PDB file of N, CA and C in Angstrom:
ATOM      1  N   PRO A   1      38.303 -12.200 -27.613  1.00  0.00           N
ATOM      2  CA  PRO A   1      38.806 -12.109 -26.336  1.00  0.00           C
ATOM      3  C   PRO A   1      39.560 -13.076 -25.582  1.00  0.00           C
ATOM      4  N   TYR A   2      40.423 -12.370 -25.104  1.00  0.00           N
ATOM      5  CA  TYR A   2      41.559 -13.157 -24.578  1.00  0.00           C
ATOM      6  C   TYR A   2      41.515 -12.863 -22.854  1.00  0.00           C
ATOM      7  N   THR A   3      42.470 -13.914 -22.588  1.00  0.00           N
ATOM      8  CA  THR A   3      42.416 -14.184 -20.931  1.00  0.00           C
ATOM      9  C   THR A   3      44.072 -14.588 -20.997  1.00  0.00           C
ATOM     10  N   GLY A   4      44.693 -13.277 -20.355  1.00  0.00           N
ATOM     11  CA  GLY A   4      46.202 -13.354 -20.821  1.00  0.00           C
ATOM     12  C   GLY A   4      46.521 -13.333 -21.918  1.00  0.00           C
ATOM     13  N   ASP A   5      47.439 -15.187 -22.515  1.00  0.00           N
ATOM     14  CA  ASP A   5      47.595 -14.781 -23.612  1.00  0.00           C
ATOM     15  C   ASP A   5      47.028 -15.655 -24.771  1.00  0.00           C
ATOM     16  N   THR A   6      45.879 -16.311 -23.498  1.00  0.00           N
ATOM     17  CA  THR A   6      44.902 -17.342 -24.393  1.00  0.00           C
ATOM     18  C   THR A   6      43.741 -17.008 -24.976  1.00  0.00           C
ATOM     19  N   GLN A   7      43.847 -16.815 -26.615  1.00  0.00           N
ATOM     20  CA  GLN A   7      42.309 -16.189 -27.186  1.00  0.00           C
ATOM     21  C   GLN A   7      41.431 -17.258 -26.489  1.00  0.00           C
ATOM     22  N   LEU A   8      39.377 -16.768 -26.186  1.00  0.00           N
ATOM     23  CA  LEU A   8      38.475 -17.755 -25.937  1.00  0.00           C
ATOM     24  C   LEU A   8      38.175 -17.443 -26.798  1.00  0.00           C
ATOM     25  N   PRO A   9      36.765 -18.519 -26.880  1.00  0.00           N
ATOM     26  CA  PRO A   9      36.133 -18.605 -27.884  1.00  0.00           C
ATOM     27  C   PRO A   9      35.029 -17.075 -27.879  1.00  0.00           C
ATOM     28  N   PHE A  10      34.097 -17.015 -29.070  1.00  0.00           N
ATOM     29  CA  PHE A  10      33.154 -15.705 -28.747  1.00  0.00           C
ATOM     30  C   PHE A  10      32.010 -16.815 -28.000  1.00  0.00           C
ATOM     31  N   LEU A  11      31.101 -16.117 -26.942  1.00  0.00           N
ATOM     32  CA  LEU A  11      30.081 -16.886 -26.424  1.00  0.00           C
ATOM     33  C   LEU A  11      29.189 -16.124 -26.409  1.00  0.00           C
ATOM     34  N   ASP A  12      28.092 -16.829 -26.598  1.00  0.00           N
ATOM     35  CA  ASP A  12      26.454 -15.862 -27.131  1.00  0.00           C
ATOM     36  C   ASP A  12      25.922 -15.752 -25.762  1.00  0.00           C
ATOM     37  N   TYR A  13      25.680 -14.042 -25.643  1.00  0.00           N
ATOM     38  CA  TYR A  13      25.445 -12.941 -24.126  1.00  0.00           C
ATOM     39  C   TYR A  13      23.926 -12.648 -25.140  1.00  0.00           C
ATOM     40  N   GLU A  14      23.360 -13.321 -25.811  1.00  0.00           N
ATOM     41  CA  GLU A  14      21.649 -12.819 -25.553  1.00  0.00           C
ATOM     42  C   GLU A  14      21.140 -12.396 -24.993  1.00  0.00           C
ATOM     43  N   ASN A  15      21.051 -13.692 -23.838  1.00  0.00           N
ATOM     44  CA  ASN A  15      20.244 -13.398 -22.458  1.00  0.00           C
ATOM     45  C   ASN A  15      20.945 -11.843 -21.540  1.00  0.00           C
ATOM     46  N   ILE A  16      22.196 -12.152 -21.690  1.00  0.00           N
ATOM     47  CA  ILE A  16      22.537 -10.950 -20.907  1.00  0.00           C
ATOM     48  C   ILE A  16      22.694  -9.882 -21.410  1.00  0.00           C
ATOM     49  N   GLY A  17      22.340  -9.718 -22.012  1.00  0.00           N
ATOM     50  CA  GLY A  17      22.522  -8.285 -23.292  1.00  0.00           C
ATOM     51  C   GLY A  17      21.479  -7.223 -22.443  1.00  0.00           C
ATOM     52  N   PRO A  18      20.643  -7.442 -22.085  1.00  0.00           N
ATOM     53  CA  PRO A  18      19.632  -5.978 -21.523  1.00  0.00           C
ATOM     54  C   PRO A  18      20.357  -5.384 -20.642  1.00  0.00           C
ATOM     55  N   ALA A  19      21.641  -6.441 -19.773  1.00  0.00           N
ATOM     56  CA  ALA A  19      22.060  -5.820 -18.505  1.00  0.00           C
ATOM     57  C   ALA A  19      22.916  -5.243 -19.083  1.00  0.00           C
ATOM     58  N   GLY A  20      23.175  -4.577 -20.667  1.00  0.00           N
ATOM     59  CA  GLY A  20      23.809  -3.733 -20.526  1.00  0.00           C
ATOM     60  C   GLY A  20      24.948  -3.687 -21.766  1.00  0.00           C
ATOM     61  N   ILE A  21      25.004  -5.126 -22.574  1.00  0.00           N
ATOM     62  CA  ILE A  21      26.310  -5.030 -23.110  1.00  0.00           C
ATOM     63  C   ILE A  21      26.048  -4.483 -24.483  1.00  0.00           C
ATOM     64  N   ALA A  22      27.053  -3.705 -25.153  1.00  0.00           N
ATOM     65  CA  ALA A  22      27.514  -2.945 -25.852  1.00  0.00           C
ATOM     66  C   ALA A  22      28.969  -3.840 -26.859  1.00  0.00           C
ATOM     67  N   VAL A  23      28.408  -4.302 -28.150  1.00  0.00           N
ATOM     68  CA  VAL A  23      30.026  -4.639 -28.577  1.00  0.00           C
ATOM     69  C   VAL A  23      30.363  -3.272 -29.434  1.00  0.00           C
ATOM     70  N   SER A  24      31.395  -2.743 -29.733  1.00  0.00           N
ATOM     71  CA  SER A  24      31.626  -2.136 -30.133  1.00  0.00           C
ATOM     72  C   SER A  24      33.621  -1.817 -30.250  1.00  0.00           C
ATOM     73  N   ASN A  25      33.766  -0.492 -30.850  1.00  0.00           N
ATOM     74  CA  ASN A  25      34.821  -0.743 -30.833  1.00  0.00           C
ATOM     75  C   ASN A  25      35.838   0.878 -30.537  1.00  0.00           C
ATOM     76  N   VAL A  26      36.989   1.013 -30.248  1.00  0.00           N
ATOM     77  CA  VAL A  26      37.647   2.198 -29.797  1.00  0.00           C
ATOM     78  C   VAL A  26      36.569   3.304 -30.940  1.00  0.00           C
ATOM     79  N   LYS A  27      36.592   2.902 -32.080  1.00  0.00           N
ATOM     80  CA  LYS A  27      36.422   4.478 -33.047  1.00  0.00           C
ATOM     81  C   LYS A  27      34.909   4.695 -32.805  1.00  0.00           C
ATOM     82  N   ASP A  28      33.986   3.386 -32.684  1.00  0.00           N
ATOM     83  CA  ASP A  28      32.524   4.406 -32.116  1.00  0.00           C
ATOM     84  C   ASP A  28      32.642   4.853 -30.802  1.00  0.00           C
ATOM     85  N   LEU A  29      32.949   4.374 -29.693  1.00  0.00           N
ATOM     86  CA  LEU A  29      33.315   4.925 -28.304  1.00  0.00           C
ATOM     87  C   LEU A  29      33.883   6.252 -28.371  1.00  0.00           C
ATOM     88  N   THR A  30      34.834   6.313 -29.497  1.00  0.00           N
ATOM     89  CA  THR A  30      35.046   7.915 -29.402  1.00  0.00           C
ATOM     90  C   THR A  30      34.010   8.761 -29.746  1.00  0.00           C
ATOM     91  N   LYS A  31      33.114   8.724 -30.847  1.00  0.00           N
ATOM     92  CA  LYS A  31      31.874   8.880 -31.641  1.00  0.00           C
ATOM     93  C   LYS A  31      30.829   9.297 -29.880  1.00  0.00           C
ATOM     94  N   TRP A  32      30.800   8.246 -29.738  1.00  0.00           N
ATOM     95  CA  TRP A  32      30.068   7.906 -28.443  1.00  0.00           C
ATOM     96  C   TRP A  32      30.425   9.355 -27.410  1.00  0.00           C
ATOM     97  N   VAL A  33      31.202   9.767 -27.035  1.00  0.00           N
ATOM     98  CA  VAL A  33      31.781  10.463 -25.898  1.00  0.00           C
ATOM     99  C   VAL A  33      31.548  11.621 -26.457  1.00  0.00           C
ATOM    100  N   ALA A  34      31.876  11.607 -28.057  1.00  0.00           N
ATOM    101  CA  ALA A  34      31.982  13.445 -28.468  1.00  0.00           C
ATOM    102  C   ALA A  34      30.395  13.487 -28.365  1.00  0.00           C
ATOM    103  N   LEU A  35      29.496  13.080 -29.109  1.00  0.00           N
ATOM    104  CA  LEU A  35      27.856  13.003 -28.720  1.00  0.00           C
ATOM    105  C   LEU A  35      27.885  13.589 -27.761  1.00  0.00           C
ATOM    106  N   PHE A  36      28.334  13.248 -25.855  1.00  0.00           N
ATOM    107  CA  PHE A  36      28.408  13.992 -24.848  1.00  0.00           C
ATOM    108  C   PHE A  36      29.136  15.385 -24.802  1.00  0.00           C
ATOM    109  N   LEU A  37      29.801  15.135 -25.244  1.00  0.00           N
ATOM    110  CA  LEU A  37      30.874  16.469 -25.143  1.00  0.00           C
ATOM    111  C   LEU A  37      30.151  17.517 -26.218  1.00  0.00           C
ATOM    112  N   ASN A  38      29.465  17.321 -27.183  1.00  0.00           N
ATOM    113  CA  ASN A  38      29.165  18.143 -27.899  1.00  0.00           C
ATOM    114  C   ASN A  38      27.270  18.719 -27.091  1.00  0.00           C
ATOM    115  N   ASN A  39      27.108  18.070 -26.407  1.00  0.00           N
ATOM    116  CA  ASN A  39      25.967  18.317 -25.529  1.00  0.00           C
ATOM    117  C   ASN A  39      24.828  17.973 -26.768  1.00  0.00           C
ATOM    118  N   GLY A  40      24.943  16.553 -26.766  1.00  0.00           N
ATOM    119  CA  GLY A  40      23.520  15.799 -27.261  1.00  0.00           C
ATOM    120  C   GLY A  40      23.966  15.663 -28.435  1.00  0.00           C
ATOM    121  N   ARG A  41      24.562  16.560 -29.078  1.00  0.00           N
ATOM    122  CA  ARG A  41      24.569  16.458 -30.978  1.00  0.00           C
ATOM    123  C   ARG A  41      25.544  15.669 -31.386  1.00  0.00           C
ATOM    124  N   LEU A  42      25.101  15.541 -32.532  1.00  0.00           N
ATOM    125  CA  LEU A  42      26.326  14.862 -33.776  1.00  0.00           C
ATOM    126  C   LEU A  42      26.790  15.897 -34.264  1.00  0.00           C
ATOM    127  N   ALA A  43      28.461  15.090 -35.179  1.00  0.00           N
ATOM    128  CA  ALA A  43      29.093  16.059 -35.680  1.00  0.00           C
ATOM    129  C   ALA A  43      28.083  17.130 -36.943  1.00  0.00           C
ATOM    130  N   SER A  44      26.997  16.873 -37.467  1.00  0.00           N
ATOM    131  CA  SER A  44      26.485  16.971 -38.225  1.00  0.00           C
ATOM    132  C   SER A  44      25.738  18.229 -37.500  1.00  0.00           C
ATOM    133  N   GLY A  45      25.621  17.808 -36.521  1.00  0.00           N
ATOM    134  CA  GLY A  45      24.468  19.511 -35.777  1.00  0.00           C
ATOM    135  C   GLY A  45      23.550  18.664 -35.239  1.00  0.00           C
ATOM    136  N   GLN A  46      22.993  17.806 -35.649  1.00  0.00           N
ATOM    137  CA  GLN A  46      21.691  17.146 -35.575  1.00  0.00           C
ATOM    138  C   GLN A  46      21.843  16.700 -33.732  1.00  0.00           C
ATOM    139  N   THR A  47      20.764  17.377 -33.366  1.00  0.00           N
ATOM    140  CA  THR A  47      20.505  17.223 -31.993  1.00  0.00           C
ATOM    141  C   THR A  47      19.822  15.151 -31.838  1.00  0.00           C
ATOM    142  N   LEU A  48      21.158  14.349 -31.216  1.00  0.00           N
ATOM    143  CA  LEU A  48      20.312  13.320 -31.002  1.00  0.00           C
ATOM    144  C   LEU A  48      19.674  12.947 -28.687  1.00  0.00           C
ATOM    145  N   VAL A  49      20.314  14.005 -28.013  1.00  0.00           N
ATOM    146  CA  VAL A  49      20.364  14.015 -26.600  1.00  0.00           C
ATOM    147  C   VAL A  49      19.884  14.645 -26.641  1.00  0.00           C
ATOM    148  N   SER A  50      18.605  15.169 -25.750  1.00  0.00           N
ATOM    149  CA  SER A  50      18.125  16.699 -25.829  1.00  0.00           C
ATOM    150  C   SER A  50      19.140  16.811 -24.553  1.00  0.00           C
ATOM    151  N   GLN A  51      19.297  18.518 -24.591  1.00  0.00           N
ATOM    152  CA  GLN A  51      20.306  19.356 -23.199  1.00  0.00           C
ATOM    153  C   GLN A  51      19.584  18.583 -21.851  1.00  0.00           C
ATOM    154  N   ALA A  52      18.141  18.988 -21.862  1.00  0.00           N
ATOM    155  CA  ALA A  52      17.493  18.506 -20.319  1.00  0.00           C
ATOM    156  C   ALA A  52      17.320  16.474 -20.048  1.00  0.00           C
ATOM    157  N   SER A  53      17.834  15.624 -20.982  1.00  0.00           N
ATOM    158  CA  SER A  53      17.816  14.476 -20.810  1.00  0.00           C
ATOM    159  C   SER A  53      19.405  13.937 -20.270  1.00  0.00           C
ATOM    160  N   GLN A  54      19.818  15.008 -20.832  1.00  0.00           N
ATOM    161  CA  GLN A  54      21.422  14.832 -20.544  1.00  0.00           C
ATOM    162  C   GLN A  54      22.344  14.951 -19.201  1.00  0.00           C
ATOM    163  N   GLU A  55      21.571  16.183 -19.340  1.00  0.00           N
ATOM    164  CA  GLU A  55      21.619  16.546 -17.463  1.00  0.00           C
ATOM    165  C   GLU A  55      21.029  15.525 -16.785  1.00  0.00           C
ATOM    166  N   ARG A  56      19.607  15.160 -16.916  1.00  0.00           N
ATOM    167  CA  ARG A  56      19.643  14.152 -16.595  1.00  0.00           C
ATOM    168  C   ARG A  56      20.301  12.829 -15.938  1.00  0.00           C
ATOM    169  N   MET A  57      20.987  12.503 -16.789  1.00  0.00           N
ATOM    170  CA  MET A  57      21.554  11.461 -17.027  1.00  0.00           C
ATOM    171  C   MET A  57      22.623  11.813 -16.163  1.00  0.00           C
ATOM    172  N   PHE A  58      23.529  12.925 -15.813  1.00  0.00           N
ATOM    173  CA  PHE A  58      24.231  13.507 -15.109  1.00  0.00           C
ATOM    174  C   PHE A  58      24.044  13.945 -13.646  1.00  0.00           C
ATOM    175  N   THR A  59      23.142  13.316 -13.113  1.00  0.00           N
ATOM    176  CA  THR A  59      22.411  13.886 -11.763  1.00  0.00           C
ATOM    177  C   THR A  59      22.660  12.622 -11.322  1.00  0.00           C
ATOM    178  N   VAL A  60      22.733  12.876  -9.720  1.00  0.00           N
ATOM    179  CA  VAL A  60      23.136  11.932  -8.987  1.00  0.00           C
ATOM    180  C   VAL A  60      21.510  11.564  -8.480  1.00  0.00           C
ATOM    181  N   GLU A  61      21.559  10.235  -8.690  1.00  0.00           N
ATOM    182  CA  GLU A  61      20.618   9.390  -8.191  1.00  0.00           C
ATOM    183  C   GLU A  61      20.582   8.535  -7.522  1.00  0.00           C
ATOM    184  N   SER A  62      21.303   8.399  -6.838  1.00  0.00           N
ATOM    185  CA  SER A  62      21.897   7.182  -5.681  1.00  0.00           C
ATOM    186  C   SER A  62      23.705   7.552  -5.146  1.00  0.00           C
ATOM    187  N   GLU A  63      23.492   7.292  -4.030  1.00  0.00           N
ATOM    188  CA  GLU A  63      25.007   7.934  -3.563  1.00  0.00           C
ATOM    189  C   GLU A  63      25.309   6.098  -2.435  1.00  0.00           C
ATOM    190  N   ASP A  64      25.817   5.481  -2.195  1.00  0.00           N
ATOM    191  CA  ASP A  64      26.681   4.409  -1.510  1.00  0.00           C
ATOM    192  C   ASP A  64      28.088   4.766  -0.635  1.00  0.00           C
ATOM    193  N   HIS A  65      28.553   4.553   0.436  1.00  0.00           N
ATOM    194  CA  HIS A  65      29.949   4.486   0.610  1.00  0.00           C
ATOM    195  C   HIS A  65      30.330   3.505   1.209  1.00  0.00           C
ATOM    196  N   ILE A  66      31.528   3.075   0.708  1.00  0.00           N
ATOM    197  CA  ILE A  66      32.251   1.838   0.910  1.00  0.00           C
ATOM    198  C   ILE A  66      33.331   1.936   2.079  1.00  0.00           C
ATOM    199  N   PRO A  67      33.192   1.795   3.366  1.00  0.00           N
ATOM    200  CA  PRO A  67      33.739   2.382   4.756  1.00  0.00           C
ATOM    201  C   PRO A  67      35.367   1.790   4.561  1.00  0.00           C
ATOM    202  N   ARG A  68      34.942  -0.191   4.042  1.00  0.00           N
ATOM    203  CA  ARG A  68      36.501  -0.220   4.463  1.00  0.00           C
ATOM    204  C   ARG A  68      37.652   0.270   3.547  1.00  0.00           C
ATOM    205  N   ILE A  69      37.345   0.547   2.445  1.00  0.00           N
ATOM    206  CA  ILE A  69      37.892   1.061   1.185  1.00  0.00           C
ATOM    207  C   ILE A  69      37.848   2.714   1.423  1.00  0.00           C
ATOM    208  N   ASP A  70      36.961   3.249   1.670  1.00  0.00           N
ATOM    209  CA  ASP A  70      36.782   4.338   1.556  1.00  0.00           C
ATOM    210  C   ASP A  70      36.269   5.489   0.592  1.00  0.00           C
ATOM    211  N   LEU A  71      35.332   4.170  -0.090  1.00  0.00           N
ATOM    212  CA  LEU A  71      34.917   4.943  -1.690  1.00  0.00           C
ATOM    213  C   LEU A  71      33.568   5.397  -1.761  1.00  0.00           C
ATOM    214  N   HIS A  72      33.876   6.590  -1.988  1.00  0.00           N
ATOM    215  CA  HIS A  72      31.861   7.083  -2.289  1.00  0.00           C
ATOM    216  C   HIS A  72      31.215   6.512  -3.992  1.00  0.00           C
ATOM    217  N   ILE A  73      30.747   6.305  -4.012  1.00  0.00           N
ATOM    218  CA  ILE A  73      29.800   5.482  -5.477  1.00  0.00           C
ATOM    219  C   ILE A  73      28.778   6.756  -5.589  1.00  0.00           C
ATOM    220  N   ARG A  74      28.757   7.297  -6.549  1.00  0.00           N
ATOM    221  CA  ARG A  74      27.698   8.081  -6.984  1.00  0.00           C
ATOM    222  C   ARG A  74      27.246   8.047  -8.116  1.00  0.00           C
ATOM    223  N   SER A  75      25.635   7.340  -8.528  1.00  0.00           N
ATOM    224  CA  SER A  75      25.404   7.193  -9.266  1.00  0.00           C
ATOM    225  C   SER A  75      24.209   7.668 -10.597  1.00  0.00           C
ATOM    226  N   GLY A  76      23.895   8.329 -11.442  1.00  0.00           N
ATOM    227  CA  GLY A  76      23.181   9.057 -12.421  1.00  0.00           C
ATOM    228  C   GLY A  76      22.070   7.886 -12.592  1.00  0.00           C
ATOM    229  N   LEU A  77      21.731   8.678 -14.518  1.00  0.00           N
ATOM    230  CA  LEU A  77      21.199   7.271 -15.119  1.00  0.00           C
ATOM    231  C   LEU A  77      22.248   6.685 -15.876  1.00  0.00           C
ATOM    232  N   GLY A  78      22.491   5.444 -15.411  1.00  0.00           N
ATOM    233  CA  GLY A  78      23.428   4.594 -16.518  1.00  0.00           C
ATOM    234  C   GLY A  78      25.131   5.348 -16.382  1.00  0.00           C
ATOM    235  N   TRP A  79      25.085   6.256 -15.554  1.00  0.00           N
ATOM    236  CA  TRP A  79      26.776   6.326 -15.353  1.00  0.00           C
ATOM    237  C   TRP A  79      26.645   6.374 -13.973  1.00  0.00           C
ATOM    238  N   PHE A  80      28.301   6.338 -13.860  1.00  0.00           N
ATOM    239  CA  PHE A  80      29.172   6.268 -12.881  1.00  0.00           C
ATOM    240  C   PHE A  80      29.643   7.709 -12.740  1.00  0.00           C
ATOM    241  N   LEU A  81      29.134   8.741 -11.227  1.00  0.00           N
ATOM    242  CA  LEU A  81      29.378  10.261 -11.389  1.00  0.00           C
ATOM    243  C   LEU A  81      31.027  10.355  -9.877  1.00  0.00           C
ATOM    244  N   GLN A  82      31.848  11.222 -10.217  1.00  0.00           N
ATOM    245  CA  GLN A  82      32.727  11.370  -9.583  1.00  0.00           C
ATOM    246  C   GLN A  82      33.447  12.862  -9.552  1.00  0.00           C
ATOM    247  N   ASP A  83      33.702  13.593  -8.413  1.00  0.00           N
ATOM    248  CA  ASP A  83      34.329  14.969  -9.042  1.00  0.00           C
ATOM    249  C   ASP A  83      36.110  14.438  -8.662  1.00  0.00           C
ATOM    250  N   VAL A  84      36.724  15.171  -9.546  1.00  0.00           N
ATOM    251  CA  VAL A  84      38.439  14.622  -9.458  1.00  0.00           C
ATOM    252  C   VAL A  84      39.076  16.116  -9.746  1.00  0.00           C
ATOM    253  N   ALA A  85      39.575  16.862  -8.768  1.00  0.00           N
ATOM    254  CA  ALA A  85      39.992  18.315  -8.839  1.00  0.00           C
ATOM    255  C   ALA A  85      38.995  19.215  -8.848  1.00  0.00           C
ATOM    256  N   ASP A  86      38.063  18.979  -8.398  1.00  0.00           N
ATOM    257  CA  ASP A  86      36.699  19.745  -8.297  1.00  0.00           C
ATOM    258  C   ASP A  86      35.875  19.802 -10.163  1.00  0.00           C
ATOM    259  N   ARG A  87      36.295  18.939 -10.872  1.00  0.00           N
ATOM    260  CA  ARG A  87      35.579  18.621 -11.931  1.00  0.00           C
ATOM    261  C   ARG A  87      34.713  17.357 -12.045  1.00  0.00           C
ATOM    262  N   LYS A  88      33.442  17.598 -12.713  1.00  0.00           N
ATOM    263  CA  LYS A  88      32.607  16.211 -12.676  1.00  0.00           C
ATOM    264  C   LYS A  88      33.040  15.013 -13.894  1.00  0.00           C
ATOM    265  N   LEU A  89      33.354  13.864 -13.144  1.00  0.00           N
ATOM    266  CA  LEU A  89      33.844  13.214 -14.228  1.00  0.00           C
ATOM    267  C   LEU A  89      33.173  11.955 -14.104  1.00  0.00           C
ATOM    268  N   VAL A  90      32.131  11.984 -15.886  1.00  0.00           N
ATOM    269  CA  VAL A  90      31.516  10.489 -15.571  1.00  0.00           C
ATOM    270  C   VAL A  90      32.260   9.788 -16.431  1.00  0.00           C
ATOM    271  N   TRP A  91      31.558   8.513 -15.845  1.00  0.00           N
ATOM    272  CA  TRP A  91      32.228   6.960 -16.288  1.00  0.00           C
ATOM    273  C   TRP A  91      31.457   5.589 -16.535  1.00  0.00           C
ATOM    274  N   HIS A  92      32.103   5.241 -17.238  1.00  0.00           N
ATOM    275  CA  HIS A  92      30.934   3.915 -17.089  1.00  0.00           C
ATOM    276  C   HIS A  92      32.420   2.754 -17.335  1.00  0.00           C
ATOM    277  N   GLY A  93      32.260   1.678 -17.232  1.00  0.00           N
ATOM    278  CA  GLY A  93      32.954   0.124 -17.557  1.00  0.00           C
ATOM    279  C   GLY A  93      32.463  -0.641 -17.185  1.00  0.00           C
ATOM    280  N   GLY A  94      32.911  -2.045 -18.264  1.00  0.00           N
ATOM    281  CA  GLY A  94      32.599  -3.203 -17.910  1.00  0.00           C
ATOM    282  C   GLY A  94      33.517  -4.683 -18.080  1.00  0.00           C
ATOM    283  N   ASN A  95      33.267  -5.354 -17.525  1.00  0.00           N
ATOM    284  CA  ASN A  95      34.373  -6.703 -17.979  1.00  0.00           C
ATOM    285  C   ASN A  95      32.923  -7.725 -18.187  1.00  0.00           C
ATOM    286  N   ILE A  96      33.553  -8.722 -19.549  1.00  0.00           N
ATOM    287  CA  ILE A  96      33.122 -10.401 -19.262  1.00  0.00           C
ATOM    288  C   ILE A  96      33.577 -11.011 -20.384  1.00  0.00           C
ATOM    289  N   ASP A  97      34.196 -12.302 -19.717  1.00  0.00           N
ATOM    290  CA  ASP A  97      34.706 -13.127 -20.903  1.00  0.00           C
ATOM    291  C   ASP A  97      35.656 -12.564 -21.855  1.00  0.00           C
ATOM    292  N   GLY A  98      36.733 -11.998 -21.370  1.00  0.00           N
ATOM    293  CA  GLY A  98      37.739 -11.383 -22.347  1.00  0.00           C
ATOM    294  C   GLY A  98      37.684 -10.183 -22.923  1.00  0.00           C
ATOM    295  N   PHE A  99      36.734  -9.613 -22.404  1.00  0.00           N
ATOM    296  CA  PHE A  99      36.606  -8.141 -22.874  1.00  0.00           C
ATOM    297  C   PHE A  99      36.269  -7.022 -21.862  1.00  0.00           C
ATOM    298  N   SER A 100      36.829  -6.003 -22.129  1.00  0.00           N
ATOM    299  CA  SER A 100      36.541  -5.207 -21.043  1.00  0.00           C
ATOM    300  C   SER A 100      36.916  -3.521 -21.231  1.00  0.00           C
ATOM    301  N   THR A 101      36.155  -2.798 -20.765  1.00  0.00           N
ATOM    302  CA  THR A 101      35.836  -1.193 -21.543  1.00  0.00           C
ATOM    303  C   THR A 101      36.470  -0.340 -20.008  1.00  0.00           C
ATOM    304  N   HIS A 102      36.113   1.119 -20.334  1.00  0.00           N
ATOM    305  CA  HIS A 102      36.453   1.762 -19.924  1.00  0.00           C
ATOM    306  C   HIS A 102      35.903   3.148 -20.037  1.00  0.00           C
ATOM    307  N   VAL A 103      35.114   4.135 -20.512  1.00  0.00           N
ATOM    308  CA  VAL A 103      35.092   5.035 -20.991  1.00  0.00           C
ATOM    309  C   VAL A 103      34.553   6.573 -19.410  1.00  0.00           C
ATOM    310  N   SER A 104      34.938   7.236 -20.482  1.00  0.00           N
ATOM    311  CA  SER A 104      34.958   8.252 -19.543  1.00  0.00           C
ATOM    312  C   SER A 104      35.144   9.556 -19.792  1.00  0.00           C
ATOM    313  N   PHE A 105      34.594  10.657 -19.727  1.00  0.00           N
ATOM    314  CA  PHE A 105      34.866  12.168 -19.448  1.00  0.00           C
ATOM    315  C   PHE A 105      34.207  12.936 -18.516  1.00  0.00           C
ATOM    316  N   MET A 106      34.885  14.144 -19.184  1.00  0.00           N
ATOM    317  CA  MET A 106      34.281  15.389 -18.307  1.00  0.00           C
ATOM    318  C   MET A 106      33.501  16.387 -19.061  1.00  0.00           C
ATOM    319  N   PRO A 107      32.570  16.309 -18.937  1.00  0.00           N
ATOM    320  CA  PRO A 107      31.394  17.209 -19.628  1.00  0.00           C
ATOM    321  C   PRO A 107      31.446  18.864 -19.910  1.00  0.00           C
ATOM    322  N   ASP A 108      31.891  19.402 -18.428  1.00  0.00           N
ATOM    323  CA  ASP A 108      32.076  20.752 -18.333  1.00  0.00           C
ATOM    324  C   ASP A 108      33.439  21.516 -18.328  1.00  0.00           C
ATOM    325  N   HIS A 109      34.434  19.944 -19.111  1.00  0.00           N
ATOM    326  CA  HIS A 109      35.444  20.713 -19.773  1.00  0.00           C
ATOM    327  C   HIS A 109      36.162  20.482 -21.174  1.00  0.00           C
ATOM    328  N   ASP A 110      35.431  19.642 -21.792  1.00  0.00           N
ATOM    329  CA  ASP A 110      35.472  19.350 -23.188  1.00  0.00           C
ATOM    330  C   ASP A 110      36.438  18.067 -23.286  1.00  0.00           C
ATOM    331  N   ILE A 111      37.061  17.633 -22.045  1.00  0.00           N
ATOM    332  CA  ILE A 111      37.935  16.331 -22.169  1.00  0.00           C
ATOM    333  C   ILE A 111      37.184  14.742 -21.862  1.00  0.00           C
ATOM    334  N   GLY A 112      37.588  13.786 -22.675  1.00  0.00           N
ATOM    335  CA  GLY A 112      37.098  12.360 -22.998  1.00  0.00           C
ATOM    336  C   GLY A 112      37.990  11.599 -23.011  1.00  0.00           C
TER     337      GLY A 112
END
């Protein structure tokens, strides 16, 4: 982890892990995105996430509006959902102590 050019020590994240900590890398996150772009199937063809479960994850569960910045936030199950040029964008990100990530994909258009 870094802040600017300064390397930070690794901390014990055990207590906040259930909030969504995923220790990963670009190579593995790419496989994760590919799973969703392949309708829940691994490269081997094995189904890991059913089509019904995936559709449920990408269905709006809550919707909020922040008038001050005119931002509409829609959430599915663990994902933020947004329309970009009439295309569904699914995304999530996170930041903690020198780490940052953003994962996004358009499941209906095979873009990740």
